[in-house]
Protein backbone atom coordinates (compact mmCIF):
# COMPACT_ATOMS: atom_id res chain seq x y z
CA MET A 1 -21.02 0.50 18.16
CA SER A 2 -17.39 1.36 17.31
CA VAL A 3 -16.25 -2.21 17.99
CA ASP A 4 -18.77 -3.45 15.43
CA LEU A 5 -17.34 -1.04 12.85
CA VAL A 6 -13.81 -2.25 13.56
CA VAL A 7 -14.85 -5.87 13.07
CA ILE A 8 -16.66 -5.00 9.83
CA GLY A 9 -13.59 -3.10 8.62
CA MET A 10 -11.28 -6.02 9.37
CA ILE A 11 -13.60 -8.44 7.58
CA LEU A 12 -13.71 -6.17 4.51
CA ILE A 13 -9.92 -5.94 4.45
CA LEU A 14 -9.57 -9.73 4.62
CA VAL A 15 -12.16 -10.21 1.87
CA GLY A 16 -10.28 -7.71 -0.30
CA ILE A 17 -6.99 -9.53 0.24
CA MET A 18 -8.66 -12.82 -0.67
CA PHE A 19 -10.01 -11.32 -3.93
CA ILE A 20 -6.55 -10.01 -4.82
CA ILE A 21 -4.91 -13.38 -4.19
CA ILE A 22 -7.57 -15.23 -6.20
CA SER A 23 -7.24 -12.81 -9.13
CA ILE A 24 -3.43 -13.13 -9.12
CA LEU A 25 -3.66 -16.93 -9.12
CA MET A 26 -6.16 -16.86 -11.97
CA TYR A 27 -3.96 -14.47 -13.96
CA ILE A 28 -0.88 -16.65 -13.45
CA GLY A 29 -2.89 -19.63 -14.64
CA MET A 30 -3.41 -17.80 -17.94
CA GLY A 31 0.35 -17.46 -18.42
CA GLY A 32 0.65 -13.85 -17.31
CA GLU A 33 2.91 -12.17 -14.81
CA ALA A 34 1.89 -10.78 -11.47
CA GLY A 35 3.46 -8.83 -8.64
CA GLY A 36 2.59 -6.77 -5.64
CA VAL A 37 3.81 -4.57 -2.84
CA VAL A 38 2.82 -4.63 0.80
CA LEU A 39 3.81 -1.57 2.83
CA ILE A 40 4.10 -2.16 6.56
CA GLY A 41 4.83 1.33 7.77
CA PRO A 42 7.63 2.64 5.58
CA ILE A 43 9.03 -0.86 4.91
CA PRO A 44 8.09 -2.38 1.54
CA ILE A 45 7.68 -6.11 0.95
CA VAL A 46 7.83 -6.88 -2.77
CA PHE A 47 6.71 -10.07 -4.47
CA GLY A 48 6.38 -11.04 -8.08
CA THR A 49 6.44 -13.89 -10.53
CA SER A 50 9.42 -12.50 -12.45
CA ARG A 51 12.26 -10.00 -12.18
CA ARG A 52 10.50 -7.84 -14.78
CA MET A 53 7.50 -7.34 -12.49
CA ILE A 54 9.75 -6.40 -9.57
CA LYS A 55 11.53 -3.83 -11.75
CA ILE A 56 8.15 -2.38 -12.71
CA LEU A 57 7.12 -2.15 -9.06
CA LEU A 58 10.27 -0.35 -7.85
CA PRO A 59 9.19 3.16 -8.99
CA ILE A 60 5.76 2.58 -7.46
CA ILE A 61 7.39 1.63 -4.15
CA LEU A 62 9.59 4.72 -4.17
CA ILE A 63 6.63 7.00 -4.85
CA ALA A 64 4.58 5.36 -2.08
CA ILE A 65 7.44 5.74 0.42
CA LEU A 66 7.91 9.42 -0.53
CA ILE A 67 4.18 10.07 -0.08
CA TYR A 68 4.28 8.28 3.28
CA ILE A 69 7.22 10.38 4.47
CA LEU A 70 5.59 13.58 3.18
CA LEU A 71 2.38 12.80 5.07
CA ILE A 72 4.34 12.23 8.27
CA ILE A 73 6.37 15.43 7.91
CA MET A 74 3.54 17.63 6.60
CA PRO A 75 2.02 18.58 9.99
CA TYR A 76 5.38 20.03 11.05
CA ILE A 77 6.07 22.17 7.97
CA GLN A 78 6.28 25.88 8.72
CA ILE A 79 5.18 28.46 6.18
CA GLY A 80 6.31 31.89 7.22
CA ARG A 81 5.73 32.20 10.96
CA GLU A 82 2.61 30.07 11.16
CA LEU A 83 2.83 26.40 11.96
CA ILE A 84 0.60 24.34 9.74
CA TYR A 85 -1.10 21.69 11.85
CA VAL A 86 -3.53 19.29 10.29
CA SER A 87 -5.77 17.68 12.88
């Protein structure tokens, strides 16, 4: 049962990526600009059709990395004498 859910999840992710790529290509065809960020762990991969789009994405990348680091550190934060552990 769980293997079936994993396969369904992977298929949904691939379909979502395909929709994003198709929409970007359609938008570029209309003369617009497009860009995106892929986070593999804490490492960002940035792509865009212009330098302007990359400059727009930089704050978004920084916020995403800070949230990622916060979520990793959060289980180890101590408040008073109690250790907060999120399971």
